[in-house]
N, C-alpha and C. Protein backbone atom coordinates (compact mmCIF):
# COMPACT_ATOMS: atom_id res chain seq x y z
N MET A 1 -2.97 -9.64 -10.54
CA MET A 1 -2.60 -8.23 -10.52
C MET A 1 -1.12 -8.10 -10.88
N LYS A 2 -0.82 -7.10 -11.69
CA LYS A 2 0.57 -6.85 -12.08
C LYS A 2 1.36 -6.28 -10.91
N ARG A 3 2.64 -6.55 -10.93
CA ARG A 3 3.52 -5.96 -9.92
C ARG A 3 3.76 -4.49 -10.23
N VAL A 4 3.96 -3.70 -9.20
CA VAL A 4 4.25 -2.29 -9.38
C VAL A 4 5.68 -2.17 -9.90
N SER A 5 5.84 -1.40 -10.96
CA SER A 5 7.18 -1.19 -11.51
C SER A 5 8.01 -0.33 -10.60
N ARG A 6 9.29 -0.53 -10.68
CA ARG A 6 10.20 0.33 -9.94
C ARG A 6 10.19 1.72 -10.52
N ILE A 7 10.47 2.67 -9.67
CA ILE A 7 10.54 4.05 -10.09
C ILE A 7 12.01 4.36 -10.36
N CYS A 8 12.31 4.85 -11.52
CA CYS A 8 13.69 5.21 -11.82
C CYS A 8 13.99 6.60 -11.26
N LYS A 9 15.25 6.99 -11.31
CA LYS A 9 15.63 8.28 -10.73
C LYS A 9 14.95 9.45 -11.40
N ASP A 10 14.47 9.26 -12.62
CA ASP A 10 13.79 10.33 -13.35
C ASP A 10 12.28 10.27 -13.22
N GLY A 11 11.76 9.43 -12.36
CA GLY A 11 10.32 9.32 -12.17
C GLY A 11 9.76 8.04 -12.73
N PHE A 12 8.53 8.11 -13.20
CA PHE A 12 7.84 6.94 -13.70
C PHE A 12 7.87 6.89 -15.22
N ASP A 13 7.97 5.71 -15.73
CA ASP A 13 7.80 5.48 -17.17
C ASP A 13 6.31 5.62 -17.46
N ILE A 14 5.96 6.32 -18.54
CA ILE A 14 4.55 6.57 -18.87
C ILE A 14 3.77 5.26 -19.03
N GLU A 15 4.42 4.22 -19.53
CA GLU A 15 3.74 2.92 -19.66
C GLU A 15 3.42 2.33 -18.30
N CYS A 16 4.28 2.57 -17.34
CA CYS A 16 4.03 2.11 -15.97
C CYS A 16 2.79 2.81 -15.42
N ILE A 17 2.67 4.09 -15.67
CA ILE A 17 1.53 4.86 -15.17
C ILE A 17 0.23 4.35 -15.79
N LYS A 18 0.25 4.16 -17.09
CA LYS A 18 -0.95 3.69 -17.79
C LYS A 18 -1.40 2.33 -17.28
N GLY A 19 -0.45 1.46 -17.03
CA GLY A 19 -0.78 0.11 -16.61
C GLY A 19 -1.11 -0.03 -15.14
N GLN A 20 -0.81 0.97 -14.36
CA GLN A 20 -0.99 0.84 -12.91
C GLN A 20 -1.60 2.10 -12.31
N ARG A 21 -2.60 2.64 -12.95
CA ARG A 21 -3.23 3.88 -12.50
C ARG A 21 -3.74 3.80 -11.07
N GLU A 22 -4.22 2.63 -10.66
CA GLU A 22 -4.83 2.51 -9.33
C GLU A 22 -3.83 2.71 -8.20
N VAL A 23 -2.55 2.50 -8.44
CA VAL A 23 -1.56 2.70 -7.37
C VAL A 23 -0.61 3.86 -7.67
N TYR A 24 -0.77 4.49 -8.80
CA TYR A 24 0.15 5.56 -9.19
C TYR A 24 0.21 6.67 -8.14
N GLY A 25 -0.93 7.11 -7.65
CA GLY A 25 -0.95 8.21 -6.67
C GLY A 25 -0.15 7.90 -5.42
N ILE A 26 -0.30 6.69 -4.93
CA ILE A 26 0.45 6.28 -3.74
C ILE A 26 1.93 6.20 -4.06
N ALA A 27 2.27 5.59 -5.19
CA ALA A 27 3.67 5.45 -5.56
C ALA A 27 4.32 6.81 -5.81
N TYR A 28 3.58 7.73 -6.43
CA TYR A 28 4.10 9.08 -6.67
C TYR A 28 4.42 9.78 -5.35
N THR A 29 3.48 9.72 -4.42
CA THR A 29 3.67 10.37 -3.12
C THR A 29 4.83 9.74 -2.37
N GLN A 30 4.91 8.42 -2.40
CA GLN A 30 6.02 7.73 -1.74
C GLN A 30 7.35 8.12 -2.37
N ASN A 31 7.37 8.24 -3.68
CA ASN A 31 8.61 8.60 -4.38
C ASN A 31 9.10 9.99 -4.00
N ILE A 32 8.22 10.99 -3.98
CA ILE A 32 8.69 12.33 -3.67
C ILE A 32 8.99 12.52 -2.19
N LEU A 33 8.46 11.64 -1.35
CA LEU A 33 8.72 11.77 0.09
C LEU A 33 9.65 10.70 0.63
N SER A 34 10.32 9.98 -0.28
CA SER A 34 11.27 8.99 0.20
C SER A 34 12.43 9.73 0.84
N GLY A 35 12.79 9.29 1.98
CA GLY A 35 13.85 9.94 2.74
C GLY A 35 13.44 9.99 4.20
N ARG A 36 14.37 9.70 5.04
CA ARG A 36 14.09 9.56 6.47
C ARG A 36 13.55 10.82 7.12
N TRP A 37 13.97 11.99 6.65
CA TRP A 37 13.70 13.24 7.35
C TRP A 37 12.63 14.13 6.71
N LYS A 38 12.19 13.82 5.52
CA LYS A 38 11.32 14.74 4.78
C LYS A 38 10.01 15.04 5.50
N TYR A 39 9.40 14.04 6.09
CA TYR A 39 8.13 14.26 6.79
C TYR A 39 8.32 15.22 7.95
N LEU A 40 9.41 15.04 8.70
CA LEU A 40 9.66 15.91 9.85
C LEU A 40 10.00 17.33 9.41
N ILE A 41 10.73 17.47 8.31
CA ILE A 41 11.04 18.80 7.79
C ILE A 41 9.74 19.52 7.41
N LEU A 42 8.87 18.83 6.69
CA LEU A 42 7.59 19.45 6.30
C LEU A 42 6.77 19.82 7.53
N TRP A 43 6.72 18.94 8.51
CA TRP A 43 5.96 19.21 9.74
C TRP A 43 6.54 20.45 10.44
N TYR A 44 7.86 20.55 10.49
CA TYR A 44 8.51 21.67 11.18
C TYR A 44 8.28 22.99 10.45
N LEU A 45 8.15 22.93 9.14
CA LEU A 45 7.93 24.15 8.36
C LEU A 45 6.45 24.57 8.30
N LYS A 46 5.57 23.74 8.84
CA LYS A 46 4.14 24.05 8.68
C LYS A 46 3.71 25.30 9.44
N SER A 47 4.43 25.68 10.47
CA SER A 47 4.00 26.83 11.26
C SER A 47 4.67 28.14 10.84
N LYS A 48 5.90 28.07 10.30
CA LYS A 48 6.57 29.30 9.89
C LYS A 48 7.82 28.99 9.08
N LYS A 49 8.39 30.04 8.50
CA LYS A 49 9.65 29.92 7.76
C LYS A 49 10.74 29.57 8.75
N ARG A 50 11.72 28.82 8.27
CA ARG A 50 12.83 28.42 9.14
C ARG A 50 14.15 28.56 8.40
N ARG A 51 15.18 28.83 9.16
CA ARG A 51 16.53 28.87 8.60
C ARG A 51 17.14 27.48 8.69
N TYR A 52 18.16 27.26 7.88
CA TYR A 52 18.85 25.97 7.83
C TYR A 52 19.27 25.53 9.23
N SER A 53 19.89 26.44 9.99
CA SER A 53 20.38 26.09 11.32
C SER A 53 19.25 25.68 12.27
N GLU A 54 18.08 26.28 12.13
CA GLU A 54 16.94 25.91 12.96
C GLU A 54 16.48 24.48 12.63
N ILE A 55 16.42 24.19 11.33
CA ILE A 55 16.00 22.85 10.90
C ILE A 55 17.00 21.81 11.39
N LYS A 56 18.29 22.12 11.26
CA LYS A 56 19.34 21.19 11.70
C LYS A 56 19.24 20.95 13.20
N ALA A 57 19.04 22.00 13.97
CA ALA A 57 18.93 21.87 15.43
C ALA A 57 17.70 21.04 15.80
N PHE A 58 16.59 21.24 15.10
CA PHE A 58 15.37 20.50 15.37
C PHE A 58 15.56 19.00 15.11
N LEU A 59 16.24 18.67 14.02
CA LEU A 59 16.42 17.26 13.65
C LEU A 59 17.52 16.58 14.44
N GLY A 60 18.40 17.33 15.04
CA GLY A 60 19.42 16.75 15.90
C GLY A 60 20.55 16.05 15.18
N ASP A 61 20.46 14.73 15.06
CA ASP A 61 21.61 13.95 14.59
C ASP A 61 21.73 13.80 13.08
N ILE A 62 21.03 14.61 12.32
CA ILE A 62 21.16 14.55 10.87
C ILE A 62 22.48 15.22 10.45
N SER A 63 23.16 14.61 9.48
CA SER A 63 24.40 15.22 8.99
C SER A 63 24.07 16.40 8.08
N GLN A 64 25.04 17.28 7.91
CA GLN A 64 24.84 18.44 7.05
C GLN A 64 24.54 18.00 5.63
N GLY A 65 25.25 16.98 5.15
CA GLY A 65 25.04 16.48 3.80
C GLY A 65 23.65 15.91 3.60
N SER A 66 23.18 15.14 4.58
CA SER A 66 21.84 14.56 4.47
C SER A 66 20.76 15.63 4.49
N LEU A 67 20.92 16.61 5.37
CA LEU A 67 19.92 17.68 5.44
C LEU A 67 19.89 18.48 4.14
N THR A 68 21.06 18.80 3.62
CA THR A 68 21.13 19.54 2.36
C THR A 68 20.46 18.75 1.24
N LYS A 69 20.72 17.45 1.18
CA LYS A 69 20.13 16.59 0.15
C LYS A 69 18.61 16.55 0.27
N GLN A 70 18.10 16.37 1.49
CA GLN A 70 16.66 16.30 1.71
C GLN A 70 15.98 17.62 1.34
N LEU A 71 16.59 18.74 1.73
CA LEU A 71 16.02 20.05 1.41
C LEU A 71 16.02 20.28 -0.11
N ARG A 72 17.10 19.93 -0.77
CA ARG A 72 17.16 20.10 -2.23
C ARG A 72 16.08 19.27 -2.93
N GLU A 73 15.90 18.03 -2.48
CA GLU A 73 14.89 17.16 -3.09
C GLU A 73 13.49 17.72 -2.86
N LEU A 74 13.21 18.19 -1.66
CA LEU A 74 11.90 18.78 -1.37
C LEU A 74 11.67 20.02 -2.23
N GLU A 75 12.72 20.80 -2.42
CA GLU A 75 12.60 21.99 -3.27
C GLU A 75 12.39 21.59 -4.74
N THR A 76 13.16 20.63 -5.22
CA THR A 76 13.03 20.16 -6.61
C THR A 76 11.63 19.61 -6.87
N ASP A 77 11.06 18.92 -5.88
CA ASP A 77 9.73 18.35 -6.03
C ASP A 77 8.62 19.36 -5.77
N GLY A 78 8.99 20.59 -5.46
CA GLY A 78 8.00 21.66 -5.32
C GLY A 78 7.27 21.72 -4.00
N LEU A 79 7.79 21.06 -2.97
CA LEU A 79 7.12 21.06 -1.67
C LEU A 79 7.57 22.20 -0.76
N ILE A 80 8.78 22.69 -0.98
CA ILE A 80 9.27 23.80 -0.17
C ILE A 80 9.86 24.88 -1.08
N ASN A 81 9.93 26.08 -0.53
CA ASN A 81 10.57 27.22 -1.19
C ASN A 81 11.86 27.53 -0.44
N ARG A 82 12.85 27.95 -1.18
CA ARG A 82 14.14 28.36 -0.61
C ARG A 82 14.39 29.80 -1.03
N LYS A 83 14.58 30.67 -0.05
CA LYS A 83 14.82 32.08 -0.35
C LYS A 83 16.18 32.47 0.22
N VAL A 84 17.04 32.98 -0.66
CA VAL A 84 18.36 33.44 -0.26
C VAL A 84 18.34 34.96 -0.21
N TYR A 85 18.74 35.52 0.92
CA TYR A 85 18.81 36.96 1.08
C TYR A 85 20.23 37.43 0.76
N PRO A 86 20.36 38.50 -0.02
CA PRO A 86 21.70 38.98 -0.41
C PRO A 86 22.37 39.74 0.73
N GLU A 87 22.82 38.99 1.71
CA GLU A 87 23.49 39.57 2.88
C GLU A 87 24.82 38.88 3.05
N VAL A 88 25.66 39.44 3.91
CA VAL A 88 26.92 38.79 4.26
C VAL A 88 26.92 38.59 5.76
N PRO A 89 26.96 37.35 6.23
CA PRO A 89 26.88 36.11 5.46
C PRO A 89 25.46 35.91 4.91
N PRO A 90 25.34 35.11 3.85
CA PRO A 90 24.02 34.90 3.24
C PRO A 90 23.03 34.26 4.23
N ARG A 91 21.80 34.73 4.17
CA ARG A 91 20.74 34.16 5.00
C ARG A 91 19.80 33.40 4.07
N VAL A 92 19.48 32.16 4.44
CA VAL A 92 18.60 31.32 3.64
C VAL A 92 17.43 30.89 4.51
N GLU A 93 16.22 31.07 3.98
CA GLU A 93 15.01 30.63 4.70
C GLU A 93 14.26 29.62 3.85
N TYR A 94 13.67 28.66 4.53
CA TYR A 94 12.86 27.64 3.89
C TYR A 94 11.42 27.79 4.37
N SER A 95 10.50 27.59 3.45
CA SER A 95 9.07 27.65 3.78
C SER A 95 8.33 26.65 2.92
N LEU A 96 7.11 26.36 3.31
CA LEU A 96 6.29 25.46 2.51
C LEU A 96 5.79 26.18 1.27
N SER A 97 5.78 25.48 0.17
CA SER A 97 5.14 25.99 -1.05
C SER A 97 3.65 25.69 -0.94
N SER A 98 2.88 26.12 -1.90
CA SER A 98 1.45 25.79 -1.87
C SER A 98 1.25 24.28 -1.98
N LYS A 99 2.08 23.61 -2.76
CA LYS A 99 2.01 22.15 -2.87
C LYS A 99 2.35 21.51 -1.52
N GLY A 100 3.35 22.04 -0.84
CA GLY A 100 3.72 21.54 0.49
C GLY A 100 2.61 21.76 1.50
N GLN A 101 1.95 22.91 1.42
CA GLN A 101 0.84 23.20 2.34
C GLN A 101 -0.32 22.22 2.12
N GLU A 102 -0.52 21.82 0.88
CA GLU A 102 -1.58 20.84 0.60
C GLU A 102 -1.26 19.47 1.18
N PHE A 103 0.01 19.21 1.44
CA PHE A 103 0.41 17.93 2.02
C PHE A 103 0.25 17.90 3.55
N ILE A 104 0.16 19.06 4.18
CA ILE A 104 0.11 19.14 5.65
C ILE A 104 -1.03 18.33 6.26
N PRO A 105 -2.24 18.30 5.71
CA PRO A 105 -3.28 17.46 6.32
C PRO A 105 -2.87 15.98 6.40
N ILE A 106 -2.07 15.52 5.46
CA ILE A 106 -1.59 14.13 5.50
C ILE A 106 -0.59 13.97 6.64
N ILE A 107 0.29 14.95 6.80
CA ILE A 107 1.25 14.93 7.92
C ILE A 107 0.49 14.94 9.24
N ASP A 108 -0.56 15.76 9.33
CA ASP A 108 -1.36 15.82 10.56
C ASP A 108 -2.03 14.48 10.84
N LEU A 109 -2.53 13.81 9.80
CA LEU A 109 -3.12 12.48 9.98
C LEU A 109 -2.08 11.47 10.44
N MET A 110 -0.89 11.56 9.91
CA MET A 110 0.19 10.68 10.35
C MET A 110 0.51 10.91 11.83
N GLU A 111 0.50 12.18 12.22
CA GLU A 111 0.76 12.51 13.63
C GLU A 111 -0.32 11.91 14.53
N GLU A 112 -1.56 12.06 14.14
CA GLU A 112 -2.66 11.50 14.93
C GLU A 112 -2.60 9.97 14.99
N PHE A 113 -2.28 9.35 13.88
CA PHE A 113 -2.15 7.89 13.85
C PHE A 113 -1.06 7.44 14.82
N GLY A 114 0.08 8.14 14.78
CA GLY A 114 1.18 7.80 15.69
C GLY A 114 0.82 7.99 17.14
N LYS A 115 0.07 9.05 17.44
CA LYS A 115 -0.37 9.28 18.82
C LYS A 115 -1.32 8.19 19.28
N LYS A 116 -2.17 7.73 18.37
CA LYS A 116 -3.17 6.73 18.72
C LYS A 116 -2.56 5.34 18.89
N PHE A 117 -1.64 4.97 18.00
CA PHE A 117 -1.16 3.60 18.00
C PHE A 117 0.30 3.45 18.43
N GLY A 118 1.02 4.54 18.59
CA GLY A 118 2.41 4.47 19.00
C GLY A 118 2.53 4.32 20.51
N VAL A 119 3.74 4.38 20.99
CA VAL A 119 3.99 4.30 22.42
C VAL A 119 3.33 5.49 23.11
N GLN A 120 2.61 5.22 24.17
CA GLN A 120 1.94 6.29 24.91
C GLN A 120 2.92 7.00 25.81
N ILE A 121 3.06 8.31 25.62
CA ILE A 121 3.97 9.11 26.43
C ILE A 121 3.16 10.03 27.32
N ASP A 122 3.39 9.96 28.61
CA ASP A 122 2.67 10.81 29.56
C ASP A 122 3.38 12.09 29.81
């Protein structure tokens, strides 16, 4: 079996996709969700729109730079929507896109797996 090619910053090389179709879906998903906080951000947005400050408070020890980077990447990859309201000071809300909503069942499965096999908390 051939080794999986590395993913460059611009995505996959078309030749890589052709030669490794059987793992492309997994590699694609891993690539767009690489980042320590992305899964938790998506999980937190699954119930309602949230403001930046709410997301930051939920995640706790994430730096402002890291949170901004993760949110931008999720938006670029089409998983979340960012809406800026023309107010002073500006209000920004984040919500799941339709693509992000389609990912929620996977997040839910991850949650169930963690509950089943992770540390049991009473």
